[in-house]
Every structure is written in C-alpha cells, then in structure tokens.
PDB file of N, CA and C in Angstrom:
ATOM      1  N   MET A   1      -7.366  11.471  16.950  1.00  0.00           N
ATOM      2  CA  MET A   1      -7.775  11.165  15.661  1.00  0.00           C
ATOM      3  C   MET A   1      -8.953  12.109  15.290  1.00  0.00           C
ATOM      4  N   LYS A   2      -8.934  12.615  14.066  1.00  0.00           N
ATOM      5  CA  LYS A   2      -9.924  13.529  13.518  1.00  0.00           C
ATOM      6  C   LYS A   2     -11.059  12.795  12.848  1.00  0.00           C
ATOM      7  N   LEU A   3     -12.307  13.228  13.118  1.00  0.00           N
ATOM      8  CA  LEU A   3     -13.491  12.661  12.563  1.00  0.00           C
ATOM      9  C   LEU A   3     -14.094  13.573  11.537  1.00  0.00           C
ATOM     10  N   ILE A   4     -14.262  13.039  10.288  1.00  0.00           N
ATOM     11  CA  ILE A   4     -14.776  13.849   9.164  1.00  0.00           C
ATOM     12  C   ILE A   4     -16.018  13.210   8.586  1.00  0.00           C
ATOM     13  N   PHE A   5     -17.128  13.949   8.482  1.00  0.00           N
ATOM     14  CA  PHE A   5     -18.359  13.452   7.898  1.00  0.00           C
ATOM     15  C   PHE A   5     -18.557  14.070   6.459  1.00  0.00           C
ATOM     16  N   SER A   6     -19.038  13.254   5.576  1.00  0.00           N
ATOM     17  CA  SER A   6     -19.439  13.819   4.233  1.00  0.00           C
ATOM     18  C   SER A   6     -20.741  14.508   4.398  1.00  0.00           C
ATOM     19  N   LYS A   7     -21.151  15.296   3.383  1.00  0.00           N
ATOM     20  CA  LYS A   7     -22.390  16.020   3.420  1.00  0.00           C
ATOM     21  C   LYS A   7     -23.567  15.020   3.391  1.00  0.00           C
ATOM     22  N   SER A   8     -23.400  13.960   2.665  1.00  0.00           N
ATOM     23  CA  SER A   8     -24.551  12.984   2.578  1.00  0.00           C
ATOM     24  C   SER A   8     -24.723  12.245   3.881  1.00  0.00           C
ATOM     25  N   ALA A   9     -23.661  12.029   4.628  1.00  0.00           N
ATOM     26  CA  ALA A   9     -23.720  11.328   5.898  1.00  0.00           C
ATOM     27  C   ALA A   9     -24.426  12.244   6.953  1.00  0.00           C
ATOM     28  N   ILE A  10     -24.084  13.547   6.886  1.00  0.00           N
ATOM     29  CA  ILE A  10     -24.731  14.477   7.851  1.00  0.00           C
ATOM     30  C   ILE A  10     -26.229  14.614   7.543  1.00  0.00           C
ATOM     31  N   LYS A  11     -26.567  14.617   6.209  1.00  0.00           N
ATOM     32  CA  LYS A  11     -27.903  14.756   5.787  1.00  0.00           C
ATOM     33  C   LYS A  11     -28.741  13.600   6.304  1.00  0.00           C
ATOM     34  N   PHE A  12     -28.184  12.327   6.148  1.00  0.00           N
ATOM     35  CA  PHE A  12     -28.844  11.174   6.614  1.00  0.00           C
ATOM     36  C   PHE A  12     -29.071  11.201   8.148  1.00  0.00           C
ATOM     37  N   LEU A  13     -28.098  11.582   8.877  1.00  0.00           N
ATOM     38  CA  LEU A  13     -28.216  11.670  10.343  1.00  0.00           C
ATOM     39  C   LEU A  13     -29.282  12.615  10.760  1.00  0.00           C
ATOM     40  N   ASN A  14     -29.433  13.643  10.031  1.00  0.00           N
ATOM     41  CA  ASN A  14     -30.432  14.672  10.338  1.00  0.00           C
ATOM     42  C   ASN A  14     -31.857  14.237  10.043  1.00  0.00           C
ATOM     43  N   LYS A  15     -32.014  13.229   9.132  1.00  0.00           N
ATOM     44  CA  LYS A  15     -33.386  12.844   8.767  1.00  0.00           C
ATOM     45  C   LYS A  15     -33.872  11.613   9.551  1.00  0.00           C
ATOM     46  N   ILE A  16     -33.016  10.906  10.225  1.00  0.00           N
ATOM     47  CA  ILE A  16     -33.482   9.678  10.947  1.00  0.00           C
ATOM     48  C   ILE A  16     -33.949  10.063  12.360  1.00  0.00           C
ATOM     49  N   SER A  17     -34.588   9.136  13.047  1.00  0.00           N
ATOM     50  CA  SER A  17     -35.128   9.414  14.346  1.00  0.00           C
ATOM     51  C   SER A  17     -33.946   9.709  15.344  1.00  0.00           C
ATOM     52  N   GLU A  18     -34.262  10.379  16.407  1.00  0.00           N
ATOM     53  CA  GLU A  18     -33.285  10.731  17.391  1.00  0.00           C
ATOM     54  C   GLU A  18     -32.665   9.508  18.062  1.00  0.00           C
ATOM     55  N   LYS A  19     -33.519   8.467  18.242  1.00  0.00           N
ATOM     56  CA  LYS A  19     -33.021   7.191  18.794  1.00  0.00           C
ATOM     57  C   LYS A  19     -31.942   6.586  17.902  1.00  0.00           C
ATOM     58  N   ASP A  20     -32.257   6.443  16.606  1.00  0.00           N
ATOM     59  CA  ASP A  20     -31.336   5.888  15.659  1.00  0.00           C
ATOM     60  C   ASP A  20     -30.101   6.731  15.511  1.00  0.00           C
ATOM     61  N   ASN A  21     -30.278   8.058  15.558  1.00  0.00           N
ATOM     62  CA  ASN A  21     -29.175   8.999  15.458  1.00  0.00           C
ATOM     63  C   ASN A  21     -28.154   8.753  16.625  1.00  0.00           C
ATOM     64  N   LYS A  22     -28.698   8.587  17.827  1.00  0.00           N
ATOM     65  CA  LYS A  22     -27.843   8.360  18.970  1.00  0.00           C
ATOM     66  C   LYS A  22     -27.071   7.019  18.860  1.00  0.00           C
ATOM     67  N   ARG A  23     -27.810   5.992  18.384  1.00  0.00           N
ATOM     68  CA  ARG A  23     -27.153   4.674  18.240  1.00  0.00           C
ATOM     69  C   ARG A  23     -26.050   4.737  17.217  1.00  0.00           C
ATOM     70  N   VAL A  24     -26.248   5.422  16.039  1.00  0.00           N
ATOM     71  CA  VAL A  24     -25.243   5.484  15.054  1.00  0.00           C
ATOM     72  C   VAL A  24     -24.016   6.332  15.544  1.00  0.00           C
ATOM     73  N   LYS A  25     -24.326   7.487  16.146  1.00  0.00           N
ATOM     74  CA  LYS A  25     -23.188   8.311  16.638  1.00  0.00           C
ATOM     75  C   LYS A  25     -22.385   7.609  17.727  1.00  0.00           C
ATOM     76  N   SER A  26     -23.063   6.844  18.579  1.00  0.00           N
ATOM     77  CA  SER A  26     -22.373   6.079  19.575  1.00  0.00           C
ATOM     78  C   SER A  26     -21.434   5.069  18.980  1.00  0.00           C
ATOM     79  N   LYS A  27     -21.844   4.330  17.988  1.00  0.00           N
ATOM     80  CA  LYS A  27     -21.017   3.383  17.300  1.00  0.00           C
ATOM     81  C   LYS A  27     -19.832   4.081  16.537  1.00  0.00           C
ATOM     82  N   ILE A  28     -20.116   5.182  15.935  1.00  0.00           N
ATOM     83  CA  ILE A  28     -19.063   5.957  15.242  1.00  0.00           C
ATOM     84  C   ILE A  28     -17.956   6.373  16.269  1.00  0.00           C
ATOM     85  N   PHE A  29     -18.400   6.873  17.415  1.00  0.00           N
ATOM     86  CA  PHE A  29     -17.442   7.284  18.440  1.00  0.00           C
ATOM     87  C   PHE A  29     -16.663   6.074  19.017  1.00  0.00           C
ATOM     88  N   ASP A  30     -17.298   4.908  19.122  1.00  0.00           N
ATOM     89  CA  ASP A  30     -16.566   3.705  19.470  1.00  0.00           C
ATOM     90  C   ASP A  30     -15.521   3.331  18.409  1.00  0.00           C
ATOM     91  N   LEU A  31     -15.923   3.475  17.182  1.00  0.00           N
ATOM     92  CA  LEU A  31     -14.981   3.235  16.062  1.00  0.00           C
ATOM     93  C   LEU A  31     -13.801   4.200  16.136  1.00  0.00           C
ATOM     94  N   LEU A  32     -14.097   5.476  16.395  1.00  0.00           N
ATOM     95  CA  LEU A  32     -13.100   6.514  16.469  1.00  0.00           C
ATOM     96  C   LEU A  32     -12.100   6.158  17.591  1.00  0.00           C
ATOM     97  N   ASP A  33     -12.591   5.779  18.779  1.00  0.00           N
ATOM     98  CA  ASP A  33     -11.750   5.397  19.894  1.00  0.00           C
ATOM     99  C   ASP A  33     -10.856   4.242  19.562  1.00  0.00           C
ATOM    100  N   LEU A  34     -11.448   3.209  18.903  1.00  0.00           N
ATOM    101  CA  LEU A  34     -10.676   2.026  18.515  1.00  0.00           C
ATOM    102  C   LEU A  34      -9.594   2.377  17.444  1.00  0.00           C
ATOM    103  N   ALA A  35      -9.958   3.204  16.549  1.00  0.00           N
ATOM    104  CA  ALA A  35      -9.011   3.541  15.464  1.00  0.00           C
ATOM    105  C   ALA A  35      -7.889   4.401  16.033  1.00  0.00           C
ATOM    106  N   ALA A  36      -8.171   5.229  17.019  1.00  0.00           N
ATOM    107  CA  ALA A  36      -7.159   6.078  17.652  1.00  0.00           C
ATOM    108  C   ALA A  36      -6.150   5.265  18.461  1.00  0.00           C
ATOM    109  N   SER A  37      -6.578   4.123  18.987  1.00  0.00           N
ATOM    110  CA  SER A  37      -5.786   3.323  19.875  1.00  0.00           C
ATOM    111  C   SER A  37      -5.059   2.230  19.125  1.00  0.00           C
ATOM    112  N   SER A  38      -5.289   2.127  17.806  1.00  0.00           N
ATOM    113  CA  SER A  38      -4.707   1.002  17.038  1.00  0.00           C
ATOM    114  C   SER A  38      -4.130   1.551  15.768  1.00  0.00           C
ATOM    115  N   ASP A  39      -3.263   0.776  15.140  1.00  0.00           N
ATOM    116  CA  ASP A  39      -2.715   1.200  13.866  1.00  0.00           C
ATOM    117  C   ASP A  39      -3.083   0.183  12.774  1.00  0.00           C
ATOM    118  N   SER A  40      -4.109  -0.574  13.003  1.00  0.00           N
ATOM    119  CA  SER A  40      -4.575  -1.516  11.999  1.00  0.00           C
ATOM    120  C   SER A  40      -6.092  -1.555  11.977  1.00  0.00           C
ATOM    121  N   MET A  41      -6.604  -2.315  11.086  1.00  0.00           N
ATOM    122  CA  MET A  41      -8.069  -2.389  10.875  1.00  0.00           C
ATOM    123  C   MET A  41      -8.674  -3.638  11.610  1.00  0.00           C
ATOM    124  N   LYS A  42      -8.435  -3.723  12.921  1.00  0.00           N
ATOM    125  CA  LYS A  42      -8.972  -4.877  13.709  1.00  0.00           C
ATOM    126  C   LYS A  42     -10.280  -4.380  14.454  1.00  0.00           C
ATOM    127  N   PHE A  43     -11.314  -4.191  13.726  1.00  0.00           N
ATOM    128  CA  PHE A  43     -12.519  -3.672  14.301  1.00  0.00           C
ATOM    129  C   PHE A  43     -13.644  -4.704  14.357  1.00  0.00           C
ATOM    130  N   GLY A  44     -13.263  -5.971  14.453  1.00  0.00           N
ATOM    131  CA  GLY A  44     -14.222  -7.042  14.464  1.00  0.00           C
ATOM    132  C   GLY A  44     -15.382  -6.932  15.488  1.00  0.00           C
ATOM    133  N   GLU A  45     -15.092  -6.421  16.626  1.00  0.00           N
ATOM    134  CA  GLU A  45     -16.093  -6.313  17.682  1.00  0.00           C
ATOM    135  C   GLU A  45     -17.175  -5.303  17.362  1.00  0.00           C
ATOM    136  N   LEU A  46     -16.896  -4.436  16.383  1.00  0.00           N
ATOM    137  CA  LEU A  46     -17.895  -3.367  16.017  1.00  0.00           C
ATOM    138  C   LEU A  46     -18.670  -3.811  14.728  1.00  0.00           C
ATOM    139  N   ASN A  47     -18.529  -5.063  14.319  1.00  0.00           N
ATOM    140  CA  ASN A  47     -19.264  -5.579  13.199  1.00  0.00           C
ATOM    141  C   ASN A  47     -18.857  -4.802  11.922  1.00  0.00           C
ATOM    142  N   THR A  48     -17.627  -4.754  11.652  1.00  0.00           N
ATOM    143  CA  THR A  48     -17.133  -4.055  10.454  1.00  0.00           C
ATOM    144  C   THR A  48     -16.679  -5.104   9.440  1.00  0.00           C
ATOM    145  N   LYS A  49     -16.623  -4.638   8.203  1.00  0.00           N
ATOM    146  CA  LYS A  49     -16.171  -5.571   7.118  1.00  0.00           C
ATOM    147  C   LYS A  49     -15.624  -4.691   5.978  1.00  0.00           C
ATOM    148  N   SER A  50     -14.498  -5.216   5.408  1.00  0.00           N
ATOM    149  CA  SER A  50     -13.972  -4.529   4.176  1.00  0.00           C
ATOM    150  C   SER A  50     -14.811  -4.755   3.009  1.00  0.00           C
ATOM    151  N   LEU A  51     -15.052  -3.758   2.220  1.00  0.00           N
ATOM    152  CA  LEU A  51     -15.898  -3.841   1.054  1.00  0.00           C
ATOM    153  C   LEU A  51     -15.070  -4.233  -0.180  1.00  0.00           C
ATOM    154  N   LYS A  52     -15.798  -4.795  -1.173  1.00  0.00           N
ATOM    155  CA  LYS A  52     -15.134  -5.237  -2.387  1.00  0.00           C
ATOM    156  C   LYS A  52     -15.796  -4.588  -3.613  1.00  0.00           C
ATOM    157  N   GLY A  53     -15.226  -4.798  -4.779  1.00  0.00           N
ATOM    158  CA  GLY A  53     -15.783  -4.239  -5.999  1.00  0.00           C
ATOM    159  C   GLY A  53     -15.555  -2.776  -6.132  1.00  0.00           C
ATOM    160  N   ASP A  54     -16.642  -2.043  -6.480  1.00  0.00           N
ATOM    161  CA  ASP A  54     -16.517  -0.568  -6.648  1.00  0.00           C
ATOM    162  C   ASP A  54     -16.139   0.153  -5.395  1.00  0.00           C
ATOM    163  N   LEU A  55     -16.467  -0.478  -4.238  1.00  0.00           N
ATOM    164  CA  LEU A  55     -16.170   0.189  -2.953  1.00  0.00           C
ATOM    165  C   LEU A  55     -14.922  -0.336  -2.283  1.00  0.00           C
ATOM    166  N   GLN A  56     -14.043  -0.974  -3.047  1.00  0.00           N
ATOM    167  CA  GLN A  56     -12.805  -1.473  -2.557  1.00  0.00           C
ATOM    168  C   GLN A  56     -12.007  -0.352  -1.895  1.00  0.00           C
ATOM    169  N   GLY A  57     -11.423  -0.637  -0.749  1.00  0.00           N
ATOM    170  CA  GLY A  57     -10.734   0.366  -0.021  1.00  0.00           C
ATOM    171  C   GLY A  57     -11.522   0.980   1.121  1.00  0.00           C
ATOM    172  N   PHE A  58     -12.853   0.774   1.067  1.00  0.00           N
ATOM    173  CA  PHE A  58     -13.736   1.283   2.092  1.00  0.00           C
ATOM    174  C   PHE A  58     -14.114   0.110   3.009  1.00  0.00           C
ATOM    175  N   SER A  59     -14.598   0.432   4.224  1.00  0.00           N
ATOM    176  CA  SER A  59     -15.126  -0.558   5.111  1.00  0.00           C
ATOM    177  C   SER A  59     -16.534  -0.112   5.490  1.00  0.00           C
ATOM    178  N   ARG A  60     -17.297  -1.076   6.015  1.00  0.00           N
ATOM    179  CA  ARG A  60     -18.612  -0.773   6.495  1.00  0.00           C
ATOM    180  C   ARG A  60     -18.794  -1.188   7.886  1.00  0.00           C
ATOM    181  N   MET A  61     -19.625  -0.440   8.647  1.00  0.00           N
ATOM    182  CA  MET A  61     -19.971  -0.850  10.040  1.00  0.00           C
ATOM    183  C   MET A  61     -21.491  -1.021  10.060  1.00  0.00           C
ATOM    184  N   ARG A  62     -21.918  -2.036  10.642  1.00  0.00           N
ATOM    185  CA  ARG A  62     -23.332  -2.325  10.767  1.00  0.00           C
ATOM    186  C   ARG A  62     -23.887  -1.825  12.085  1.00  0.00           C
ATOM    187  N   VAL A  63     -25.008  -1.067  11.978  1.00  0.00           N
ATOM    188  CA  VAL A  63     -25.664  -0.579  13.163  1.00  0.00           C
ATOM    189  C   VAL A  63     -27.153  -0.904  12.994  1.00  0.00           C
ATOM    190  N   GLY A  64     -27.557  -2.135  13.253  1.00  0.00           N
ATOM    191  CA  GLY A  64     -28.913  -2.596  12.959  1.00  0.00           C
ATOM    192  C   GLY A  64     -29.098  -2.651  11.455  1.00  0.00           C
ATOM    193  N   LYS A  65     -30.075  -1.934  10.931  1.00  0.00           N
ATOM    194  CA  LYS A  65     -30.362  -1.901   9.539  1.00  0.00           C
ATOM    195  C   LYS A  65     -29.619  -0.800   8.817  1.00  0.00           C
ATOM    196  N   ILE A  66     -28.900  -0.047   9.570  1.00  0.00           N
ATOM    197  CA  ILE A  66     -28.140   1.130   9.046  1.00  0.00           C
ATOM    198  C   ILE A  66     -26.688   0.713   8.795  1.00  0.00           C
ATOM    199  N   ARG A  67     -26.098   1.156   7.677  1.00  0.00           N
ATOM    200  CA  ARG A  67     -24.711   0.860   7.323  1.00  0.00           C
ATOM    201  C   ARG A  67     -23.938   2.179   7.275  1.00  0.00           C
ATOM    202  N   VAL A  68     -22.740   2.149   7.800  1.00  0.00           N
ATOM    203  CA  VAL A  68     -21.854   3.321   7.827  1.00  0.00           C
ATOM    204  C   VAL A  68     -20.638   2.951   6.997  1.00  0.00           C
ATOM    205  N   VAL A  69     -20.419   3.629   5.845  1.00  0.00           N
ATOM    206  CA  VAL A  69     -19.205   3.356   5.012  1.00  0.00           C
ATOM    207  C   VAL A  69     -18.166   4.361   5.415  1.00  0.00           C
ATOM    208  N   PHE A  70     -16.954   3.820   5.672  1.00  0.00           N
ATOM    209  CA  PHE A  70     -15.861   4.682   6.164  1.00  0.00           C
ATOM    210  C   PHE A  70     -14.486   4.210   5.670  1.00  0.00           C
ATOM    211  N   THR A  71     -13.560   5.078   5.857  1.00  0.00           N
ATOM    212  CA  THR A  71     -12.140   4.703   5.691  1.00  0.00           C
ATOM    213  C   THR A  71     -11.391   5.323   6.842  1.00  0.00           C
ATOM    214  N   VAL A  72     -10.294   4.662   7.186  1.00  0.00           N
ATOM    215  CA  VAL A  72      -9.377   5.237   8.211  1.00  0.00           C
ATOM    216  C   VAL A  72      -8.031   5.488   7.581  1.00  0.00           C
ATOM    217  N   ASP A  73      -7.593   6.695   7.689  1.00  0.00           N
ATOM    218  CA  ASP A  73      -6.269   7.070   7.229  1.00  0.00           C
ATOM    219  C   ASP A  73      -5.360   7.245   8.443  1.00  0.00           C
ATOM    220  N   PHE A  74      -4.569   6.179   8.688  1.00  0.00           N
ATOM    221  CA  PHE A  74      -3.679   6.160   9.857  1.00  0.00           C
ATOM    222  C   PHE A  74      -2.540   7.215   9.752  1.00  0.00           C
ATOM    223  N   GLN A  75      -2.107   7.446   8.572  1.00  0.00           N
ATOM    224  CA  GLN A  75      -1.040   8.463   8.420  1.00  0.00           C
ATOM    225  C   GLN A  75      -1.485   9.857   8.774  1.00  0.00           C
ATOM    226  N   GLU A  76      -2.669  10.200   8.295  1.00  0.00           N
ATOM    227  CA  GLU A  76      -3.197  11.580   8.535  1.00  0.00           C
ATOM    228  C   GLU A  76      -3.983  11.546   9.861  1.00  0.00           C
ATOM    229  N   LYS A  77      -4.192  10.400  10.434  1.00  0.00           N
ATOM    230  CA  LYS A  77      -5.026  10.272  11.630  1.00  0.00           C
ATOM    231  C   LYS A  77      -6.385  10.834  11.514  1.00  0.00           C
ATOM    232  N   GLU A  78      -7.078  10.284  10.491  1.00  0.00           N
ATOM    233  CA  GLU A  78      -8.433  10.720  10.174  1.00  0.00           C
ATOM    234  C   GLU A  78      -9.372   9.524  10.009  1.00  0.00           C
ATOM    235  N   LEU A  79     -10.594   9.634  10.544  1.00  0.00           N
ATOM    236  CA  LEU A  79     -11.662   8.690  10.285  1.00  0.00           C
ATOM    237  C   LEU A  79     -12.634   9.417   9.350  1.00  0.00           C
ATOM    238  N   LEU A  80     -12.765   8.950   8.130  1.00  0.00           N
ATOM    239  CA  LEU A  80     -13.660   9.628   7.150  1.00  0.00           C
ATOM    240  C   LEU A  80     -14.942   8.842   6.966  1.00  0.00           C
ATOM    241  N   ILE A  81     -16.035   9.403   7.402  1.00  0.00           N
ATOM    242  CA  ILE A  81     -17.333   8.762   7.224  1.00  0.00           C
ATOM    243  C   ILE A  81     -17.887   9.214   5.835  1.00  0.00           C
ATOM    244  N   HIS A  82     -17.831   8.273   4.869  1.00  0.00           N
ATOM    245  CA  HIS A  82     -18.227   8.669   3.484  1.00  0.00           C
ATOM    246  C   HIS A  82     -19.739   8.654   3.273  1.00  0.00           C
ATOM    247  N   ASP A  83     -20.414   7.647   3.906  1.00  0.00           N
ATOM    248  CA  ASP A  83     -21.872   7.594   3.672  1.00  0.00           C
ATOM    249  C   ASP A  83     -22.545   6.805   4.778  1.00  0.00           C
ATOM    250  N   ILE A  84     -23.762   7.119   5.110  1.00  0.00           N
ATOM    251  CA  ILE A  84     -24.604   6.443   6.037  1.00  0.00           C
ATOM    252  C   ILE A  84     -25.948   6.222   5.383  1.00  0.00           C
ATOM    253  N   ASP A  85     -26.478   5.062   5.412  1.00  0.00           N
ATOM    254  CA  ASP A  85     -27.824   4.853   4.851  1.00  0.00           C
ATOM    255  C   ASP A  85     -28.311   3.445   5.282  1.00  0.00           C
ATOM    256  N   PHE A  86     -29.558   3.230   4.903  1.00  0.00           N
ATOM    257  CA  PHE A  86     -30.154   1.884   5.292  1.00  0.00           C
ATOM    258  C   PHE A  86     -29.571   0.864   4.330  1.00  0.00           C
ATOM    259  N   ARG A  87     -29.534  -0.357   4.804  1.00  0.00           N
ATOM    260  CA  ARG A  87     -28.878  -1.521   4.133  1.00  0.00           C
ATOM    261  C   ARG A  87     -29.154  -1.637   2.668  1.00  0.00           C
ATOM    262  N   GLY A  88     -30.412  -1.575   2.282  1.00  0.00           N
ATOM    263  CA  GLY A  88     -30.764  -1.773   0.860  1.00  0.00           C
ATOM    264  C   GLY A  88     -30.415  -0.580  -0.016  1.00  0.00           C
ATOM    265  N   ASP A  89     -30.197   0.533   0.544  1.00  0.00           N
ATOM    266  CA  ASP A  89     -29.975   1.775  -0.269  1.00  0.00           C
ATOM    267  C   ASP A  89     -28.497   2.191  -0.428  1.00  0.00           C
ATOM    268  N   ILE A  90     -27.621   1.623   0.319  1.00  0.00           N
ATOM    269  CA  ILE A  90     -26.271   2.137   0.388  1.00  0.00           C
ATOM    270  C   ILE A  90     -25.318   1.540  -0.647  1.00  0.00           C
ATOM    271  N   TYR A  91     -25.498   0.268  -0.998  1.00  0.00           N
ATOM    272  CA  TYR A  91     -24.526  -0.413  -1.855  1.00  0.00           C
ATOM    273  C   TYR A  91     -24.889  -0.265  -3.315  1.00  0.00           C
TER     274      TYR A  91
END
C-alpha cells in the first residue's frame, strides 16, 4: 500500500516536537499496515472515526490532541493523509 502526504500534513509534522512527530508517524504506519492487510475500514483499535458533514468520505485518527484526517483508496491501494493538526484547529 502506498502512503501519500499532503503538503499541509508535511508542514505540520515539521513544526511539532520530535516526540509528537514520532508518535504520529508510528500511528500512521500502524494504520498503513492495517489498511494493507484489510479491504475494509475496520480500524477501531487505532481510534478512528468516519467524519460527517463537509468532511464526509474522510476518516480521522486520534493521536492524543492531534488529529490525522485521511482516506483509504483500496482500489488504488493508497493511504492519503489529507491533513494533520491539533484537535481545535482541524475541523
């Protein structure tokens, strides 16, 4: 499975502390492994949730106070990280 980051996600990862950066990247790689081994969105153990409203079609993963907004394209075998930010700033 291919992992793709948006420019805003990369920018956020570069500005947070190294400790938080490692935690977020670790969770993203866990998500990538789970997405590669499955063909559905059963990511409950990673604290994920489908989003509604304007962000319908996206999911979010919680990493402490940081949220990762993503989509998984099983046909193209891609995990697209659309945005990463703190809880109050992302939605």
